[in-house]
C-alpha atoms as a PDB file:
ATOM      1  CA  MET A   1     -49.363  19.200  -9.075  1.00  0.00           C
ATOM      2  CA  ILE A   2     -49.416  19.455  -5.215  1.00  0.00           C
ATOM      3  CA  SER A   3     -50.714  16.662  -3.546  1.00  0.00           C
ATOM      4  CA  ARG A   4     -53.816  17.152  -1.045  1.00  0.00           C
ATOM      5  CA  THR A   5     -52.066  14.301   1.291  1.00  0.00           C
ATOM      6  CA  PHE A   6     -51.961  15.755   5.078  1.00  0.00           C
ATOM      7  CA  PRO A   7     -48.764  14.820   6.835  1.00  0.00           C
ATOM      8  CA  SER A   8     -49.417  13.133   9.873  1.00  0.00           C
ATOM      9  CA  ALA A   9     -51.585  15.211  12.643  1.00  0.00           C
ATOM     10  CA  GLN A  10     -49.295  15.410  15.394  1.00  0.00           C
ATOM     11  CA  SER A  11     -46.565  18.406  14.963  1.00  0.00           C
ATOM     12  CA  HIS A  12     -43.148  17.902  14.766  1.00  0.00           C
ATOM     13  CA  HIS A  13     -41.370  19.944  17.872  1.00  0.00           C
ATOM     14  CA  VAL A  14     -38.303  21.836  16.891  1.00  0.00           C
ATOM     15  CA  VAL A  15     -35.990  22.699  19.437  1.00  0.00           C
ATOM     16  CA  MET A  16     -33.466  25.688  18.934  1.00  0.00           C
ATOM     17  CA  VAL A  17     -31.004  25.724  21.731  1.00  0.00           C
ATOM     18  CA  GLY A  18     -29.397  29.111  22.152  1.00  0.00           C
ATOM     19  CA  PHE A  19     -26.845  30.941  24.486  1.00  0.00           C
ATOM     20  CA  PRO A  20     -26.745  34.435  26.187  1.00  0.00           C
ATOM     21  CA  GLY A  21     -24.392  36.459  22.750  1.00  0.00           C
ATOM     22  CA  ALA A  22     -25.585  33.729  20.475  1.00  0.00           C
ATOM     23  CA  GLN A  23     -25.972  35.301  16.652  1.00  0.00           C
ATOM     24  CA  VAL A  24     -29.604  36.204  16.302  1.00  0.00           C
ATOM     25  CA  LEU A  25     -29.745  35.701  13.000  1.00  0.00           C
ATOM     26  CA  ASP A  26     -28.873  31.363  13.784  1.00  0.00           C
ATOM     27  CA  VAL A  27     -32.052  30.975  15.688  1.00  0.00           C
ATOM     28  CA  VAL A  28     -34.564  33.090  14.087  1.00  0.00           C
ATOM     29  CA  GLY A  29     -33.856  31.832  10.548  1.00  0.00           C
ATOM     30  CA  PRO A  30     -34.049  28.530  10.899  1.00  0.00           C
ATOM     31  CA  LEU A  31     -37.261  29.058  13.136  1.00  0.00           C
ATOM     32  CA  GLU A  32     -38.576  31.169  10.968  1.00  0.00           C
ATOM     33  CA  VAL A  33     -37.812  28.404   8.141  1.00  0.00           C
ATOM     34  CA  PHE A  34     -40.380  25.747  10.356  1.00  0.00           C
ATOM     35  CA  ALA A  35     -42.879  28.482  11.636  1.00  0.00           C
ATOM     36  CA  ARG A  36     -43.581  29.445   7.517  1.00  0.00           C
ATOM     37  CA  THR A  37     -44.086  25.873   6.552  1.00  0.00           C
ATOM     38  CA  ALA A  38     -46.715  25.532   9.004  1.00  0.00           C
ATOM     39  CA  ARG A  39     -48.317  28.544   7.630  1.00  0.00           C
ATOM     40  CA  TRP A  40     -48.374  27.227   4.512  1.00  0.00           C
ATOM     41  CA  PHE A  41     -49.786  24.458   5.298  1.00  0.00           C
ATOM     42  CA  ALA A  42     -52.633  25.667   7.114  1.00  0.00           C
ATOM     43  CA  ASP A  43     -52.926  28.568   4.072  1.00  0.00           C
ATOM     44  CA  GLU A  44     -52.713  26.191   1.349  1.00  0.00           C
ATOM     45  CA  LEU A  45     -53.919  22.937   2.601  1.00  0.00           C
ATOM     46  CA  GLY A  46     -56.537  24.018   5.380  1.00  0.00           C
ATOM     47  CA  ARG A  47     -54.215  22.261   7.858  1.00  0.00           C
ATOM     48  CA  THR A  48     -55.343  23.104  11.310  1.00  0.00           C
ATOM     49  CA  GLU A  49     -52.608  21.539  13.209  1.00  0.00           C
ATOM     50  CA  PRO A  50     -49.480  23.235  12.743  1.00  0.00           C
ATOM     51  CA  VAL A  51     -46.944  20.694  11.182  1.00  0.00           C
ATOM     52  CA  TYR A  52     -44.218  22.295  13.258  1.00  0.00           C
ATOM     53  CA  THR A  53     -44.069  23.682  16.584  1.00  0.00           C
ATOM     54  CA  THR A  54     -40.807  25.685  17.445  1.00  0.00           C
ATOM     55  CA  GLU A  55     -39.130  26.121  20.827  1.00  0.00           C
ATOM     56  CA  LEU A  56     -36.041  28.391  21.942  1.00  0.00           C
ATOM     57  CA  ALA A  57     -34.711  26.782  24.953  1.00  0.00           C
ATOM     58  CA  ALA A  58     -31.616  28.704  27.018  1.00  0.00           C
ATOM     59  CA  PRO A  59     -29.373  27.829  29.792  1.00  0.00           C
ATOM     60  CA  SER A  60     -31.981  29.287  32.225  1.00  0.00           C
ATOM     61  CA  ALA A  61     -35.826  30.462  31.119  1.00  0.00           C
ATOM     62  CA  GLY A  62     -36.408  34.040  30.427  1.00  0.00           C
ATOM     63  CA  PRO A  63     -34.678  36.635  28.882  1.00  0.00           C
ATOM     64  CA  LEU A  64     -32.100  36.083  26.514  1.00  0.00           C
ATOM     65  CA  PRO A  65     -29.375  38.415  25.424  1.00  0.00           C
ATOM     66  CA  MET A  66     -28.441  37.769  22.004  1.00  0.00           C
ATOM     67  CA  SER A  67     -26.312  39.037  19.186  1.00  0.00           C
ATOM     68  CA  GLN A  68     -26.750  43.527  17.849  1.00  0.00           C
ATOM     69  CA  SER A  69     -28.517  44.231  21.446  1.00  0.00           C
ATOM     70  CA  LEU A  70     -31.498  42.316  20.928  1.00  0.00           C
ATOM     71  CA  GLU A  71     -33.178  39.978  23.284  1.00  0.00           C
ATOM     72  CA  LEU A  72     -35.277  36.666  22.931  1.00  0.00           C
ATOM     73  CA  VAL A  73     -37.198  35.193  25.542  1.00  0.00           C
ATOM     74  CA  ALA A  74     -36.567  31.416  26.696  1.00  0.00           C
ATOM     75  CA  ARG A  75     -39.582  29.633  27.816  1.00  0.00           C
ATOM     76  CA  ARG A  76     -37.844  26.717  29.754  1.00  0.00           C
ATOM     77  CA  SER A  77     -34.028  25.586  30.006  1.00  0.00           C
ATOM     78  CA  TRP A  78     -32.858  22.957  28.026  1.00  0.00           C
ATOM     79  CA  ARG A  79     -32.307  21.043  31.347  1.00  0.00           C
ATOM     80  CA  GLU A  80     -36.619  20.789  31.191  1.00  0.00           C
ATOM     81  CA  VAL A  81     -36.585  19.488  27.598  1.00  0.00           C
ATOM     82  CA  ASP A  82     -36.435  15.788  27.346  1.00  0.00           C
ATOM     83  CA  ALA A  83     -37.834  15.098  23.872  1.00  0.00           C
ATOM     84  CA  CYS A  84     -38.361  16.693  20.612  1.00  0.00           C
ATOM     85  CA  ASP A  85     -38.283  15.568  16.858  1.00  0.00           C
ATOM     86  CA  THR A  86     -35.359  17.876  15.903  1.00  0.00           C
ATOM     87  CA  LEU A  87     -33.204  19.533  17.795  1.00  0.00           C
ATOM     88  CA  LEU A  88     -30.358  22.459  16.630  1.00  0.00           C
ATOM     89  CA  VAL A  89     -27.514  24.221  18.131  1.00  0.00           C
ATOM     90  CA  ALA A  90     -26.957  28.084  17.470  1.00  0.00           C
ATOM     91  CA  GLY A  91     -23.397  29.552  17.183  1.00  0.00           C
ATOM     92  CA  GLY A  92     -22.264  32.716  17.409  1.00  0.00           C
ATOM     93  CA  VAL A  93     -19.738  34.321  20.092  1.00  0.00           C
ATOM     94  CA  GLY A  94     -21.615  32.869  22.982  1.00  0.00           C
ATOM     95  CA  ALA A  95     -21.335  29.617  22.193  1.00  0.00           C
ATOM     96  CA  ASP A  96     -17.724  29.205  23.177  1.00  0.00           C
ATOM     97  CA  ALA A  97     -18.734  29.942  26.429  1.00  0.00           C
ATOM     98  CA  HIS A  98     -20.127  25.814  26.089  1.00  0.00           C
ATOM     99  CA  LEU A  99     -17.287  24.152  24.815  1.00  0.00           C
ATOM    100  CA  ASP A 100     -16.810  23.154  28.569  1.00  0.00           C
ATOM    101  CA  ASP A 101     -19.630  22.786  29.760  1.00  0.00           C
ATOM    102  CA  ALA A 102     -19.874  19.373  31.097  1.00  0.00           C
ATOM    103  CA  GLU A 103     -24.094  18.729  31.910  1.00  0.00           C
ATOM    104  CA  LEU A 104     -25.091  20.777  28.548  1.00  0.00           C
ATOM    105  CA  HIS A 105     -22.299  17.825  26.413  1.00  0.00           C
ATOM    106  CA  ALA A 106     -23.826  14.650  28.745  1.00  0.00           C
ATOM    107  CA  TRP A 107     -27.485  16.139  28.445  1.00  0.00           C
ATOM    108  CA  LEU A 108     -26.679  16.364  24.163  1.00  0.00           C
ATOM    109  CA  ARG A 109     -25.272  12.700  24.017  1.00  0.00           C
ATOM    110  CA  ARG A 110     -28.777  11.855  26.028  1.00  0.00           C
ATOM    111  CA  MET A 111     -30.649  13.572  23.544  1.00  0.00           C
ATOM    112  CA  ALA A 112     -29.228  12.592  20.330  1.00  0.00           C
ATOM    113  CA  PRO A 113     -30.175   8.971  19.694  1.00  0.00           C
ATOM    114  CA  GLN A 114     -33.687  10.156  20.127  1.00  0.00           C
ATOM    115  CA  THR A 115     -34.049  12.986  17.946  1.00  0.00           C
ATOM    116  CA  ARG A 116     -32.920  14.796  14.455  1.00  0.00           C
ATOM    117  CA  LEU A 117     -29.467  16.395  15.447  1.00  0.00           C
ATOM    118  CA  GLY A 118     -27.747  19.193  14.048  1.00  0.00           C
ATOM    119  CA  SER A 119     -25.910  23.014  14.189  1.00  0.00           C
ATOM    120  CA  VAL A 120     -25.676  25.948  12.806  1.00  0.00           C
ATOM    121  CA  CYS A 121     -22.762  28.333  11.917  1.00  0.00           C
ATOM    122  CA  THR A 122     -20.332  27.450  15.532  1.00  0.00           C
ATOM    123  CA  GLY A 123     -23.092  25.644  17.114  1.00  0.00           C
ATOM    124  CA  ALA A 124     -20.863  22.772  15.726  1.00  0.00           C
ATOM    125  CA  LEU A 125     -17.972  23.700  17.985  1.00  0.00           C
ATOM    126  CA  VAL A 126     -20.355  23.006  20.887  1.00  0.00           C
ATOM    127  CA  LEU A 127     -21.234  19.061  19.430  1.00  0.00           C
ATOM    128  CA  GLY A 128     -17.695  18.635  18.277  1.00  0.00           C
ATOM    129  CA  ALA A 129     -16.572  19.314  21.980  1.00  0.00           C
ATOM    130  CA  ALA A 130     -19.493  16.746  23.197  1.00  0.00           C
ATOM    131  CA  GLY A 131     -18.155  14.198  20.854  1.00  0.00           C
ATOM    132  CA  LEU A 132     -21.054  13.641  18.515  1.00  0.00           C
ATOM    133  CA  LEU A 133     -19.138  14.581  15.604  1.00  0.00           C
ATOM    134  CA  ASN A 134     -16.238  11.160  15.944  1.00  0.00           C
ATOM    135  CA  GLY A 135     -16.592   9.348  13.063  1.00  0.00           C
ATOM    136  CA  ARG A 136     -18.509  12.253  10.678  1.00  0.00           C
ATOM    137  CA  HIS A 137     -18.168  14.862   8.345  1.00  0.00           C
ATOM    138  CA  ALA A 138     -19.161  18.296   9.460  1.00  0.00           C
ATOM    139  CA  THR A 139     -19.405  21.953   8.663  1.00  0.00           C
ATOM    140  CA  THR A 140     -18.954  25.325  10.189  1.00  0.00           C
ATOM    141  CA  HIS A 141     -18.226  28.754   9.476  1.00  0.00           C
ATOM    142  CA  TRP A 142     -15.587  29.383   7.696  1.00  0.00           C
ATOM    143  CA  ARG A 143     -13.289  31.228   9.716  1.00  0.00           C
ATOM    144  CA  SER A 144     -13.812  28.114  12.338  1.00  0.00           C
ATOM    145  CA  LEU A 145     -12.945  25.290  10.398  1.00  0.00           C
ATOM    146  CA  ASP A 146      -9.459  24.953  11.757  1.00  0.00           C
ATOM    147  CA  ARG A 147     -11.299  25.144  15.302  1.00  0.00           C
ATOM    148  CA  LEU A 148     -13.540  22.314  14.773  1.00  0.00           C
ATOM    149  CA  ALA A 149     -10.957  20.016  13.341  1.00  0.00           C
ATOM    150  CA  ALA A 150      -9.045  20.714  16.573  1.00  0.00           C
ATOM    151  CA  ILE A 151     -11.641  20.210  19.162  1.00  0.00           C
ATOM    152  CA  ALA A 152     -13.100  17.006  17.398  1.00  0.00           C
ATOM    153  CA  PRO A 153     -10.204  15.192  15.725  1.00  0.00           C
ATOM    154  CA  GLY A 154     -12.105  12.388  14.869  1.00  0.00           C
ATOM    155  CA  CYS A 155     -14.359  14.322  12.416  1.00  0.00           C
ATOM    156  CA  GLN A 156     -13.486  14.629   9.079  1.00  0.00           C
ATOM    157  CA  VAL A 157     -14.433  18.817   8.535  1.00  0.00           C
ATOM    158  CA  GLU A 158     -16.345  19.749   5.046  1.00  0.00           C
ATOM    159  CA  ARG A 159     -14.661  23.076   4.454  1.00  0.00           C
ATOM    160  CA  ASN A 160     -16.940  24.374   0.957  1.00  0.00           C
ATOM    161  CA  ALA A 161     -19.655  22.820   2.054  1.00  0.00           C
ATOM    162  CA  ILE A 162     -22.923  25.099   2.478  1.00  0.00           C
ATOM    163  CA  PHE A 163     -24.357  21.771   5.310  1.00  0.00           C
ATOM    164  CA  VAL A 164     -23.331  18.500   5.688  1.00  0.00           C
ATOM    165  CA  GLU A 165     -25.852  15.654   6.967  1.00  0.00           C
ATOM    166  CA  SER A 166     -23.460  12.483   8.390  1.00  0.00           C
ATOM    167  CA  GLY A 167     -24.627   9.876  10.231  1.00  0.00           C
ATOM    168  CA  GLY A 168     -28.134  11.849  10.821  1.00  0.00           C
ATOM    169  CA  VAL A 169     -26.345  14.449  12.370  1.00  0.00           C
ATOM    170  CA  PHE A 170     -26.554  17.941  10.516  1.00  0.00           C
ATOM    171  CA  THR A 171     -24.219  20.872  10.776  1.00  0.00           C
ATOM    172  CA  SER A 172     -24.444  23.916   8.498  1.00  0.00           C
ATOM    173  CA  ALA A 173     -21.764  27.030   8.052  1.00  0.00           C
ATOM    174  CA  GLY A 174     -22.337  30.767   8.904  1.00  0.00           C
ATOM    175  CA  VAL A 175     -25.660  32.381  10.010  1.00  0.00           C
ATOM    176  CA  MET A 176     -27.224  32.737   6.810  1.00  0.00           C
ATOM    177  CA  ALA A 177     -26.787  28.624   6.225  1.00  0.00           C
ATOM    178  CA  GLY A 178     -29.438  27.473   9.131  1.00  0.00           C
ATOM    179  CA  ILE A 179     -31.929  28.621   6.426  1.00  0.00           C
ATOM    180  CA  ASP A 180     -30.103  26.325   3.725  1.00  0.00           C
ATOM    181  CA  LEU A 181     -30.367  23.363   6.534  1.00  0.00           C
ATOM    182  CA  ALA A 182     -33.978  24.195   7.520  1.00  0.00           C
ATOM    183  CA  LEU A 183     -35.196  24.271   4.252  1.00  0.00           C
ATOM    184  CA  GLU A 184     -33.810  21.195   3.320  1.00  0.00           C
ATOM    185  CA  LEU A 185     -35.053  19.470   6.581  1.00  0.00           C
ATOM    186  CA  VAL A 186     -38.217  20.759   5.560  1.00  0.00           C
ATOM    187  CA  GLU A 187     -38.011  18.672   1.909  1.00  0.00           C
ATOM    188  CA  ARG A 188     -36.780  15.318   3.757  1.00  0.00           C
ATOM    189  CA  ASP A 189     -39.560  16.111   6.104  1.00  0.00           C
ATOM    190  CA  HIS A 190     -42.534  17.146   3.321  1.00  0.00           C
ATOM    191  CA  GLY A 191     -41.056  17.085  -0.078  1.00  0.00           C
ATOM    192  CA  LYS A 192     -39.137  19.436  -2.580  1.00  0.00           C
ATOM    193  CA  HIS A 193     -42.743  21.052  -3.392  1.00  0.00           C
ATOM    194  CA  VAL A 194     -43.294  22.745  -0.156  1.00  0.00           C
ATOM    195  CA  ALA A 195     -39.503  23.469   0.721  1.00  0.00           C
ATOM    196  CA  LEU A 196     -39.584  25.362  -2.776  1.00  0.00           C
ATOM    197  CA  ALA A 197     -43.203  27.527  -1.852  1.00  0.00           C
ATOM    198  CA  VAL A 198     -41.892  27.864   1.316  1.00  0.00           C
ATOM    199  CA  ALA A 199     -38.156  29.273   0.063  1.00  0.00           C
ATOM    200  CA  GLN A 200     -40.594  31.341  -2.263  1.00  0.00           C
ATOM    201  CA  GLU A 201     -42.136  32.707   0.650  1.00  0.00           C
ATOM    202  CA  LEU A 202     -39.335  34.181   2.634  1.00  0.00           C
ATOM    203  CA  VAL A 203     -37.393  34.864  -1.048  1.00  0.00           C
ATOM    204  CA  VAL A 204     -34.448  33.127  -0.652  1.00  0.00           C
ATOM    205  CA  TYR A 205     -32.871  30.246  -2.279  1.00  0.00           C
ATOM    206  CA  ARG A 206     -34.231  26.944  -2.576  1.00  0.00           C
ATOM    207  CA  LYS A 207     -30.870  25.500  -3.067  1.00  0.00           C
ATOM    208  CA  ARG A 208     -27.932  28.433  -2.313  1.00  0.00           C
ATOM    209  CA  PRO A 209     -25.632  27.884  -5.304  1.00  0.00           C
ATOM    210  CA  GLY A 210     -22.000  27.397  -4.602  1.00  0.00           C
ATOM    211  CA  GLY A 211     -20.089  26.594  -1.597  1.00  0.00           C
ATOM    212  CA  GLN A 212     -18.508  29.158   1.400  1.00  0.00           C
ATOM    213  CA  SER A 213     -15.109  29.143  -0.642  1.00  0.00           C
ATOM    214  CA  GLN A 214     -16.531  31.660  -2.847  1.00  0.00           C
ATOM    215  CA  PHE A 215     -17.234  34.009   0.631  1.00  0.00           C
ATOM    216  CA  SER A 216     -14.163  32.996   2.071  1.00  0.00           C
ATOM    217  CA  ARG A 217     -11.613  33.623  -0.376  1.00  0.00           C
ATOM    218  CA  PHE A 218     -12.425  37.826  -1.169  1.00  0.00           C
ATOM    219  CA  LEU A 219     -12.910  37.681   3.237  1.00  0.00           C
ATOM    220  CA  GLU A 220      -9.702  35.747   3.934  1.00  0.00           C
ATOM    221  CA  ALA A 221      -7.830  37.848   1.886  1.00  0.00           C
ATOM    222  CA  GLU A 222      -9.237  41.445   2.787  1.00  0.00           C
ATOM    223  CA  ARG A 223      -8.643  40.115   6.730  1.00  0.00           C
ATOM    224  CA  ARG A 224      -4.821  39.770   5.948  1.00  0.00           C
ATOM    225  CA  GLY A 225      -3.728  43.042   5.034  1.00  0.00           C
ATOM    226  CA  ASP A 226      -0.649  42.331   4.183  1.00  0.00           C
ATOM    227  CA  ARG A 227       1.035  41.815   1.383  1.00  0.00           C
ATOM    228  CA  PHE A 228      -0.107  38.501   0.438  1.00  0.00           C
ATOM    229  CA  GLY A 229      -3.619  39.649   1.593  1.00  0.00           C
ATOM    230  CA  ARG A 230      -3.134  42.384  -0.928  1.00  0.00           C
ATOM    231  CA  LEU A 231      -2.012  40.012  -3.890  1.00  0.00           C
ATOM    232  CA  GLN A 232      -4.579  37.364  -3.092  1.00  0.00           C
ATOM    233  CA  LEU A 233      -7.071  40.048  -4.182  1.00  0.00           C
ATOM    234  CA  TRP A 234      -5.476  41.611  -6.741  1.00  0.00           C
ATOM    235  CA  ILE A 235      -5.284  37.232  -8.381  1.00  0.00           C
ATOM    236  CA  LEU A 236      -9.118  37.403  -7.332  1.00  0.00           C
ATOM    237  CA  ASP A 237      -9.460  40.865  -9.964  1.00  0.00           C
ATOM    238  CA  HIS A 238      -7.133  39.220 -12.707  1.00  0.00           C
ATOM    239  CA  LEU A 239      -8.040  35.687 -12.904  1.00  0.00           C
ATOM    240  CA  ALA A 240      -8.901  35.886 -16.534  1.00  0.00           C
ATOM    241  CA  GLU A 241      -5.431  37.067 -17.492  1.00  0.00           C
ATOM    242  CA  PRO A 242      -2.419  35.042 -17.710  1.00  0.00           C
ATOM    243  CA  LEU A 243      -0.718  34.741 -14.143  1.00  0.00           C
ATOM    244  CA  PRO A 244       2.837  33.238 -14.269  1.00  0.00           C
ATOM    245  CA  LEU A 245       5.184  32.720 -11.105  1.00  0.00           C
ATOM    246  CA  GLU A 246       6.779  36.165 -12.586  1.00  0.00           C
ATOM    247  CA  ARG A 247       3.702  38.185 -13.060  1.00  0.00           C
ATOM    248  CA  LEU A 248       2.781  37.277  -9.238  1.00  0.00           C
ATOM    249  CA  ALA A 249       6.371  38.261  -8.130  1.00  0.00           C
ATOM    250  CA  ALA A 250       6.377  41.151  -9.824  1.00  0.00           C
ATOM    251  CA  GLU A 251       3.041  42.387  -8.224  1.00  0.00           C
ATOM    252  CA  ALA A 252       3.891  41.338  -4.593  1.00  0.00           C
ATOM    253  CA  GLY A 253       7.844  43.103  -4.901  1.00  0.00           C
ATOM    254  CA  LEU A 254       9.572  39.735  -4.425  1.00  0.00           C
ATOM    255  CA  SER A 255      11.677  37.905  -6.388  1.00  0.00           C
ATOM    256  CA  PRO A 256      10.032  34.829  -7.586  1.00  0.00           C
ATOM    257  CA  ARG A 257      11.862  32.109  -5.376  1.00  0.00           C
ATOM    258  CA  HIS A 258      11.371  34.548  -2.386  1.00  0.00           C
ATOM    259  CA  LEU A 259       7.568  34.581  -2.945  1.00  0.00           C
ATOM    260  CA  THR A 260       7.366  31.212  -3.413  1.00  0.00           C
ATOM    261  CA  ARG A 261       8.494  30.060  -0.182  1.00  0.00           C
ATOM    262  CA  ARG A 262       6.916  32.760   1.682  1.00  0.00           C
ATOM    263  CA  PHE A 263       3.226  32.387  -0.362  1.00  0.00           C
ATOM    264  CA  LYS A 264       3.626  28.058   0.693  1.00  0.00           C
ATOM    265  CA  THR A 265       4.624  29.210   4.362  1.00  0.00           C
ATOM    266  CA  GLU A 266       1.459  32.033   4.905  1.00  0.00           C
ATOM    267  CA  LEU A 267      -1.360  29.872   2.860  1.00  0.00           C
ATOM    268  CA  GLY A 268      -0.057  26.295   2.635  1.00  0.00           C
ATOM    269  CA  VAL A 269       0.073  26.112  -1.135  1.00  0.00           C
ATOM    270  CA  THR A 270       2.334  27.692  -4.059  1.00  0.00           C
ATOM    271  CA  PRO A 271       1.354  30.316  -5.951  1.00  0.00           C
ATOM    272  CA  ALA A 272       0.281  28.364  -8.685  1.00  0.00           C
ATOM    273  CA  ALA A 273      -1.730  26.278  -6.974  1.00  0.00           C
ATOM    274  CA  TYR A 274      -3.398  28.828  -5.142  1.00  0.00           C
ATOM    275  CA  VAL A 275      -4.335  30.012  -8.738  1.00  0.00           C
ATOM    276  CA  ALA A 276      -5.692  27.139  -9.819  1.00  0.00           C
ATOM    277  CA  ARG A 277      -7.512  26.937  -6.691  1.00  0.00           C
ATOM    278  CA  LEU A 278      -9.240  30.268  -7.430  1.00  0.00           C
ATOM    279  CA  ARG A 279      -9.824  29.637 -11.070  1.00  0.00           C
ATOM    280  CA  LEU A 280     -11.821  26.687 -10.176  1.00  0.00           C
ATOM    281  CA  GLU A 281     -13.878  27.387  -7.998  1.00  0.00           C
ATOM    282  CA  GLU A 282     -14.547  30.864  -9.996  1.00  0.00           C
ATOM    283  CA  ALA A 283     -15.475  28.447 -12.983  1.00  0.00           C
ATOM    284  CA  ARG A 284     -17.865  26.365 -10.267  1.00  0.00           C
ATOM    285  CA  ARG A 285     -19.799  29.687  -9.407  1.00  0.00           C
ATOM    286  CA  ARG A 286     -20.700  30.857 -13.153  1.00  0.00           C
ATOM    287  CA  LEU A 287     -21.488  27.504 -13.559  1.00  0.00           C
ATOM    288  CA  GLU A 288     -23.896  27.126 -10.622  1.00  0.00           C
ATOM    289  CA  THR A 289     -25.058  31.180 -11.033  1.00  0.00           C
ATOM    290  CA  GLY A 290     -24.762  32.011 -14.987  1.00  0.00           C
ATOM    291  CA  PRO A 291     -26.115  30.702 -18.821  1.00  0.00           C
ATOM    292  CA  SER A 292     -22.551  31.167 -20.413  1.00  0.00           C
ATOM    293  CA  ASN A 293     -21.317  28.751 -22.544  1.00  0.00           C
ATOM    294  CA  LEU A 294     -17.976  26.636 -21.455  1.00  0.00           C
ATOM    295  CA  LYS A 295     -15.817  28.682 -23.929  1.00  0.00           C
ATOM    296  CA  ASP A 296     -16.734  31.774 -22.259  1.00  0.00           C
ATOM    297  CA  VAL A 297     -16.301  30.409 -18.306  1.00  0.00           C
ATOM    298  CA  ALA A 298     -13.540  29.177 -19.466  1.00  0.00           C
ATOM    299  CA  ARG A 299     -11.852  32.074 -20.731  1.00  0.00           C
ATOM    300  CA  GLY A 300     -13.287  34.591 -17.866  1.00  0.00           C
ATOM    301  CA  CYS A 301     -11.987  31.989 -15.529  1.00  0.00           C
ATOM    302  CA  GLY A 302      -8.386  32.262 -17.088  1.00  0.00           C
ATOM    303  CA  PHE A 303      -8.520  28.938 -18.521  1.00  0.00           C
ATOM    304  CA  ALA A 304      -6.758  28.223 -21.612  1.00  0.00           C
ATOM    305  CA  ASP A 305      -9.541  26.973 -23.514  1.00  0.00           C
ATOM    306  CA  ALA A 306     -12.519  24.865 -22.780  1.00  0.00           C
ATOM    307  CA  GLN A 307     -10.793  21.328 -22.815  1.00  0.00           C
ATOM    308  CA  ASN A 308      -8.300  22.487 -20.317  1.00  0.00           C
ATOM    309  CA  LEU A 309     -11.857  23.838 -17.831  1.00  0.00           C
ATOM    310  CA  ARG A 310     -12.930  19.686 -18.340  1.00  0.00           C
ATOM    311  CA  ARG A 311      -9.666  18.462 -17.610  1.00  0.00           C
ATOM    312  CA  SER A 312      -9.979  20.761 -14.321  1.00  0.00           C
ATOM    313  CA  PHE A 313     -13.287  19.579 -13.239  1.00  0.00           C
ATOM    314  CA  ARG A 314     -12.765  16.014 -13.990  1.00  0.00           C
ATOM    315  CA  ARG A 315      -9.649  15.448 -12.137  1.00  0.00           C
ATOM    316  CA  HIS A 316     -10.879  18.176  -8.707  1.00  0.00           C
ATOM    317  CA  ILE A 317     -14.330  17.406  -8.871  1.00  0.00           C
ATOM    318  CA  GLY A 318     -14.817  14.290 -11.031  1.00  0.00           C
ATOM    319  CA  VAL A 319     -17.285  14.960 -12.794  1.00  0.00           C
ATOM    320  CA  GLY A 320     -16.880  17.136 -16.086  1.00  0.00           C
ATOM    321  CA  PRO A 321     -18.554  21.514 -16.213  1.00  0.00           C
ATOM    322  CA  ARG A 322     -21.577  20.477 -18.021  1.00  0.00           C
ATOM    323  CA  ASP A 323     -22.813  17.501 -16.014  1.00  0.00           C
ATOM    324  CA  TYR A 324     -21.839  19.756 -12.745  1.00  0.00           C
ATOM    325  CA  ARG A 325     -24.458  22.375 -14.100  1.00  0.00           C
ATOM    326  CA  GLU A 326     -27.172  20.047 -14.496  1.00  0.00           C
ATOM    327  CA  ARG A 327     -26.593  18.755 -10.916  1.00  0.00           C
ATOM    328  CA  PHE A 328     -25.858  22.400  -9.392  1.00  0.00           C
ATOM    329  CA  GLY A 329     -26.766  25.103 -11.639  1.00  0.00           C
ATOM    330  CA  GLY A 330     -29.185  27.972 -10.346  1.00  0.00           C
END
């Protein structure tokens, strides 16, 4: 039953900071969530004052060239914005040019205490460069996680999160994760039922299952293009099978000792640890998205049995697979 209680009559003002060359979906995806929420309140509850108003701010007012040769229009420069309720920083290639923008960083630091602050994709690098992620947890696009750690050494980088909230600052992973973050903010403002209704309108998950590792493992392997990339993809295709070191070495065309040494140098872990990590990630994905019983999940991911799967979950995640499915099952 949807409550008919109206939120405050005052609109919540959302400002998205964009840059020339920014990823267009970083900007329009989250803003569409807020705009669609305002429309839902108008259509379903007869709200006359919009619950959200949105604005794009840029280095200067006027046309703003984006990715995909598209162009948006910023009504104001961010320099003219002195107050808002939520402030988000977009990412994409265009954000890189502002990692040393002292004026922008100073403005962000002035705004931070008076607004709900966040970023989409590599917009987190701008927040990090401004010193706003020190002592906080944060995430960004999987390809830029190491850059974030270097730019903001005082930040704890979360490498598998779709979005993170830490100390009142919100950061999200690549592109579409901005929509996930915006829906989370809507839920915090107006409740789960509103966020779910808006997600249904947009035909997206309210809470997308899984973390960004489920995408980055395949992309990481494909991007390498060398024998280790090919081996990574082969492992992903053969997780359900026994994968002893000797079999991996034969597939890579190396001796077991040489493979172990080179694998650890290239990927930072031993082959056995890498296989174990992929099996756990695949098991998590299956528990989040499918109805399979634990025995089938264990078998399909290469665990000896369901008990072995349970031990792995408790050791690395802190809960058993059944509890994990209850919390995160899609």
